[in-house]
């Protein structure tokens, strides 16, 4: 069984650091929390959280999977609602091999 990654709500988190997976590995990410999650591929987190201007982000709802591109320099996530009153999101993260 793949353990869940539980990033805190409201700030950008490096998914490679949280998951222990090597940087540059293509990922399959599934949102297991009730709240939404933003996903950003880049060496650093995006300069803004975006408001209504979320260009370049993938937005995951509950249960939705996202696949990263090949060799991403970094993968960042921001959960904006934990959904379970813990203040944490809940993601399943694994290596994606097409």
N, C-alpha and C. Protein backbone atom coordinates (compact mmCIF):
# COMPACT_ATOMS: atom_id res chain seq x y z
N UNK A 1 0.84 -1.19 0.00
CA UNK A 1 0.00 0.00 0.00
C UNK A 1 0.88 1.24 0.00
N UNK A 2 0.52 2.22 -0.79
CA UNK A 2 1.28 3.47 -0.89
C UNK A 2 0.82 4.41 0.23
N UNK A 3 1.73 4.88 1.09
CA UNK A 3 1.31 5.80 2.15
C UNK A 3 0.91 7.15 1.58
N UNK A 4 -0.06 7.79 2.21
CA UNK A 4 -0.52 9.12 1.80
C UNK A 4 0.51 10.18 2.16
N UNK A 5 0.55 11.22 1.36
CA UNK A 5 1.31 12.42 1.66
C UNK A 5 0.30 13.44 2.16
N UNK A 6 0.62 14.14 3.26
CA UNK A 6 -0.34 15.06 3.87
C UNK A 6 0.23 16.46 3.98
N UNK A 7 0.19 17.22 2.86
CA UNK A 7 0.72 18.59 2.92
C UNK A 7 -0.19 19.51 3.72
N UNK A 8 0.38 20.49 4.44
CA UNK A 8 -0.44 21.47 5.14
C UNK A 8 -1.21 22.35 4.15
N UNK A 9 -2.34 22.82 4.59
CA UNK A 9 -3.20 23.67 3.77
C UNK A 9 -2.66 25.09 3.72
N UNK A 10 -2.74 25.73 2.54
CA UNK A 10 -2.50 27.16 2.42
C UNK A 10 -1.10 27.60 2.06
N UNK A 11 -0.18 26.68 1.80
CA UNK A 11 1.16 27.09 1.38
C UNK A 11 1.70 26.07 0.39
N UNK A 12 2.58 26.55 -0.50
CA UNK A 12 3.18 25.67 -1.51
C UNK A 12 4.14 24.72 -0.83
N UNK A 13 4.05 23.44 -1.18
CA UNK A 13 4.90 22.40 -0.63
C UNK A 13 5.58 21.63 -1.76
N UNK A 14 6.85 21.30 -1.59
CA UNK A 14 7.61 20.54 -2.58
C UNK A 14 7.20 19.07 -2.46
N UNK A 15 6.56 18.53 -3.48
CA UNK A 15 6.04 17.18 -3.42
C UNK A 15 7.15 16.13 -3.42
N UNK A 16 8.28 16.42 -4.05
CA UNK A 16 9.40 15.47 -3.99
C UNK A 16 9.93 15.36 -2.56
N UNK A 17 10.03 16.47 -1.87
CA UNK A 17 10.49 16.45 -0.47
C UNK A 17 9.51 15.69 0.41
N UNK A 18 8.21 15.95 0.24
CA UNK A 18 7.20 15.30 1.07
C UNK A 18 7.12 13.79 0.82
N UNK A 19 7.30 13.39 -0.42
CA UNK A 19 7.11 11.98 -0.78
C UNK A 19 8.38 11.15 -0.69
N UNK A 20 9.55 11.80 -0.74
CA UNK A 20 10.80 11.07 -0.74
C UNK A 20 11.17 10.50 -2.11
N UNK A 21 10.41 10.84 -3.14
CA UNK A 21 10.68 10.39 -4.49
C UNK A 21 11.72 11.32 -5.13
N UNK A 22 12.62 10.75 -5.94
CA UNK A 22 13.72 11.53 -6.54
C UNK A 22 13.20 12.62 -7.48
N UNK A 23 13.82 13.79 -7.41
CA UNK A 23 13.49 14.92 -8.29
C UNK A 23 13.66 14.48 -9.75
N UNK A 24 12.72 14.86 -10.58
CA UNK A 24 12.77 14.53 -12.00
C UNK A 24 11.97 13.29 -12.36
N UNK A 25 11.52 12.54 -11.35
CA UNK A 25 10.69 11.36 -11.59
C UNK A 25 9.30 11.80 -12.01
N UNK A 26 8.77 11.20 -13.05
CA UNK A 26 7.40 11.51 -13.47
C UNK A 26 6.44 10.95 -12.43
N UNK A 27 5.43 11.74 -12.02
CA UNK A 27 4.54 11.37 -10.93
C UNK A 27 3.09 11.22 -11.38
N UNK A 28 2.39 10.35 -10.68
CA UNK A 28 0.93 10.24 -10.75
C UNK A 28 0.45 10.65 -9.36
N UNK A 29 -0.38 11.69 -9.31
CA UNK A 29 -0.85 12.26 -8.05
C UNK A 29 -2.36 12.16 -8.02
N UNK A 30 -2.91 11.67 -6.90
CA UNK A 30 -4.36 11.62 -6.75
C UNK A 30 -4.76 12.33 -5.47
N UNK A 31 -5.73 13.22 -5.59
CA UNK A 31 -6.25 13.96 -4.44
C UNK A 31 -7.25 13.07 -3.69
N UNK A 32 -6.98 12.82 -2.43
CA UNK A 32 -7.86 11.98 -1.62
C UNK A 32 -8.59 12.79 -0.56
N UNK A 33 -8.44 14.12 -0.59
CA UNK A 33 -9.13 14.97 0.38
C UNK A 33 -10.33 15.63 -0.27
N UNK A 34 -11.20 16.20 0.54
CA UNK A 34 -12.41 16.83 0.03
C UNK A 34 -12.12 18.18 -0.62
N UNK A 35 -11.03 18.82 -0.25
CA UNK A 35 -10.70 20.13 -0.79
C UNK A 35 -9.92 20.06 -2.09
N UNK A 36 -9.77 21.20 -2.73
CA UNK A 36 -9.03 21.27 -3.97
C UNK A 36 -7.53 21.36 -3.75
N UNK A 37 -6.78 21.03 -4.80
CA UNK A 37 -5.32 21.08 -4.75
C UNK A 37 -4.81 21.69 -6.04
N UNK A 38 -3.88 22.65 -5.94
CA UNK A 38 -3.18 23.19 -7.10
C UNK A 38 -1.87 22.44 -7.27
N UNK A 39 -1.50 22.13 -8.51
CA UNK A 39 -0.24 21.46 -8.81
C UNK A 39 0.54 22.34 -9.78
N UNK A 40 1.82 22.57 -9.49
CA UNK A 40 2.68 23.42 -10.29
C UNK A 40 3.97 22.67 -10.57
N UNK A 41 4.39 22.63 -11.83
CA UNK A 41 5.67 22.02 -12.19
C UNK A 41 6.68 23.13 -12.44
N UNK A 42 7.76 23.13 -11.68
CA UNK A 42 8.82 24.13 -11.82
C UNK A 42 9.86 23.94 -10.75
N UNK A 43 11.03 24.50 -10.95
CA UNK A 43 12.12 24.36 -9.99
C UNK A 43 11.80 25.05 -8.66
N UNK A 44 10.95 26.07 -8.70
CA UNK A 44 10.55 26.82 -7.50
C UNK A 44 9.03 26.98 -7.53
N UNK A 45 8.43 27.25 -6.37
CA UNK A 45 6.98 27.46 -6.37
C UNK A 45 6.62 28.68 -7.21
N UNK A 46 5.38 28.77 -7.67
CA UNK A 46 4.99 29.93 -8.46
C UNK A 46 5.08 31.22 -7.65
N UNK A 47 5.29 32.35 -8.31
CA UNK A 47 5.47 33.61 -7.59
C UNK A 47 4.21 34.11 -6.89
N UNK A 48 3.04 33.66 -7.33
CA UNK A 48 1.77 34.09 -6.72
C UNK A 48 0.85 32.89 -6.60
N UNK A 49 -0.14 32.98 -5.71
CA UNK A 49 -1.11 31.91 -5.64
C UNK A 49 -2.20 32.07 -6.68
N UNK A 50 -2.29 33.23 -7.31
CA UNK A 50 -3.09 33.36 -8.51
C UNK A 50 -4.45 33.98 -8.40
N UNK A 51 -5.18 33.86 -7.30
CA UNK A 51 -6.56 34.34 -7.29
C UNK A 51 -7.34 33.64 -8.39
N UNK A 52 -7.97 34.41 -9.27
CA UNK A 52 -8.70 33.82 -10.38
C UNK A 52 -7.80 33.55 -11.59
N UNK A 53 -6.57 33.97 -11.52
CA UNK A 53 -5.64 33.79 -12.64
C UNK A 53 -4.71 32.61 -12.35
N UNK A 54 -5.18 31.41 -12.66
CA UNK A 54 -4.43 30.21 -12.31
C UNK A 54 -3.76 29.59 -13.53
N UNK A 55 -3.24 30.41 -14.41
CA UNK A 55 -2.58 29.89 -15.61
C UNK A 55 -1.35 29.08 -15.23
N UNK A 56 -1.24 27.90 -15.82
CA UNK A 56 -0.08 27.05 -15.58
C UNK A 56 -0.26 26.05 -14.47
N UNK A 57 -1.31 26.16 -13.68
CA UNK A 57 -1.56 25.21 -12.61
C UNK A 57 -2.46 24.09 -13.12
N UNK A 58 -2.31 22.90 -12.56
CA UNK A 58 -3.33 21.87 -12.68
C UNK A 58 -4.16 21.97 -11.41
N UNK A 59 -5.47 21.85 -11.53
CA UNK A 59 -6.35 21.94 -10.37
C UNK A 59 -7.02 20.58 -10.19
N UNK A 60 -6.80 19.96 -9.04
CA UNK A 60 -7.37 18.65 -8.76
C UNK A 60 -8.52 18.77 -7.78
N UNK A 61 -9.65 18.18 -8.12
CA UNK A 61 -10.75 18.03 -7.18
C UNK A 61 -10.60 16.70 -6.46
N UNK A 62 -11.57 16.36 -5.64
CA UNK A 62 -11.54 15.12 -4.88
C UNK A 62 -11.53 13.92 -5.82
N UNK A 63 -10.55 13.05 -5.67
CA UNK A 63 -10.46 11.82 -6.44
C UNK A 63 -9.83 11.94 -7.80
N UNK A 64 -9.54 13.15 -8.23
CA UNK A 64 -8.99 13.34 -9.58
C UNK A 64 -7.49 13.10 -9.61
N UNK A 65 -6.99 12.35 -10.61
CA UNK A 65 -5.55 12.15 -10.76
C UNK A 65 -4.93 13.18 -11.70
N UNK A 66 -3.65 13.46 -11.50
CA UNK A 66 -2.86 14.31 -12.39
C UNK A 66 -1.54 13.60 -12.64
N UNK A 67 -1.09 13.62 -13.89
CA UNK A 67 0.22 13.08 -14.26
C UNK A 67 1.13 14.25 -14.58
N UNK A 68 2.35 14.22 -14.06
CA UNK A 68 3.30 15.28 -14.38
C UNK A 68 3.94 15.00 -15.73
N UNK A 69 4.61 16.01 -16.26
CA UNK A 69 5.35 15.85 -17.50
C UNK A 69 6.61 15.03 -17.26
N UNK A 70 7.33 14.74 -18.33
CA UNK A 70 8.57 13.99 -18.22
C UNK A 70 9.66 14.88 -17.62
N UNK A 71 10.40 14.36 -16.67
CA UNK A 71 11.53 15.04 -16.02
C UNK A 71 11.21 16.43 -15.47
N UNK A 72 10.16 16.58 -14.67
CA UNK A 72 9.88 17.91 -14.11
C UNK A 72 10.99 18.34 -13.15
N UNK A 73 11.40 19.62 -13.19
CA UNK A 73 12.45 20.10 -12.31
C UNK A 73 12.00 20.22 -10.86
N UNK A 74 10.71 20.18 -10.64
CA UNK A 74 10.12 20.24 -9.31
C UNK A 74 8.62 20.12 -9.46
N UNK A 75 7.97 19.63 -8.42
CA UNK A 75 6.50 19.55 -8.40
C UNK A 75 6.05 20.13 -7.07
N UNK A 76 5.20 21.14 -7.15
CA UNK A 76 4.72 21.86 -5.97
C UNK A 76 3.21 21.72 -5.87
N UNK A 77 2.70 21.56 -4.66
CA UNK A 77 1.26 21.45 -4.44
C UNK A 77 0.82 22.45 -3.37
N UNK A 78 -0.41 22.95 -3.54
CA UNK A 78 -1.04 23.76 -2.50
C UNK A 78 -2.46 23.25 -2.30
N UNK A 79 -2.73 22.78 -1.10
CA UNK A 79 -4.08 22.38 -0.73
C UNK A 79 -4.78 23.60 -0.15
N UNK A 80 -6.01 23.87 -0.58
CA UNK A 80 -6.67 25.04 -0.02
C UNK A 80 -7.80 24.69 0.92
N UNK A 81 -8.08 23.41 1.12
CA UNK A 81 -9.03 22.99 2.14
C UNK A 81 -8.74 21.54 2.48
N UNK A 82 -8.55 21.24 3.76
CA UNK A 82 -8.25 19.87 4.17
C UNK A 82 -9.45 18.96 4.11
N UNK A 83 -10.62 19.49 4.36
CA UNK A 83 -11.84 18.70 4.27
C UNK A 83 -12.09 17.80 5.47
N UNK A 84 -11.08 17.57 6.30
CA UNK A 84 -11.28 16.67 7.44
C UNK A 84 -10.93 17.35 8.77
N UNK A 85 -10.86 18.67 8.77
CA UNK A 85 -10.61 19.49 9.95
C UNK A 85 -9.22 19.31 10.54
N UNK A 86 -8.31 18.65 9.81
CA UNK A 86 -6.96 18.43 10.33
C UNK A 86 -6.00 19.52 9.90
N UNK A 87 -6.40 20.35 8.91
CA UNK A 87 -5.49 21.35 8.38
C UNK A 87 -4.50 20.76 7.39
N UNK A 88 -4.75 19.51 6.95
CA UNK A 88 -3.86 18.85 6.01
C UNK A 88 -4.64 18.37 4.78
N UNK A 89 -3.98 18.39 3.65
CA UNK A 89 -4.53 17.73 2.48
C UNK A 89 -4.17 16.25 2.55
N UNK A 90 -4.59 15.49 1.56
CA UNK A 90 -4.28 14.06 1.54
C UNK A 90 -4.10 13.63 0.09
N UNK A 91 -2.89 13.24 -0.27
CA UNK A 91 -2.57 12.89 -1.64
C UNK A 91 -1.91 11.52 -1.71
N UNK A 92 -2.24 10.77 -2.75
CA UNK A 92 -1.53 9.55 -3.08
C UNK A 92 -0.54 9.94 -4.17
N UNK A 93 0.75 9.68 -3.96
CA UNK A 93 1.79 10.06 -4.90
C UNK A 93 2.62 8.82 -5.24
N UNK A 94 2.78 8.56 -6.53
CA UNK A 94 3.59 7.41 -6.94
C UNK A 94 4.29 7.72 -8.25
N UNK A 95 5.33 6.94 -8.55
CA UNK A 95 6.03 7.08 -9.82
C UNK A 95 5.09 6.69 -10.94
N UNK A 96 5.08 7.49 -12.02
CA UNK A 96 4.25 7.18 -13.18
C UNK A 96 5.14 6.68 -14.30
N UNK A 97 4.85 5.47 -14.76
CA UNK A 97 5.57 4.88 -15.89
C UNK A 97 4.56 4.64 -17.00
N UNK A 98 4.62 5.44 -18.08
CA UNK A 98 3.64 5.28 -19.16
C UNK A 98 3.79 3.96 -19.90
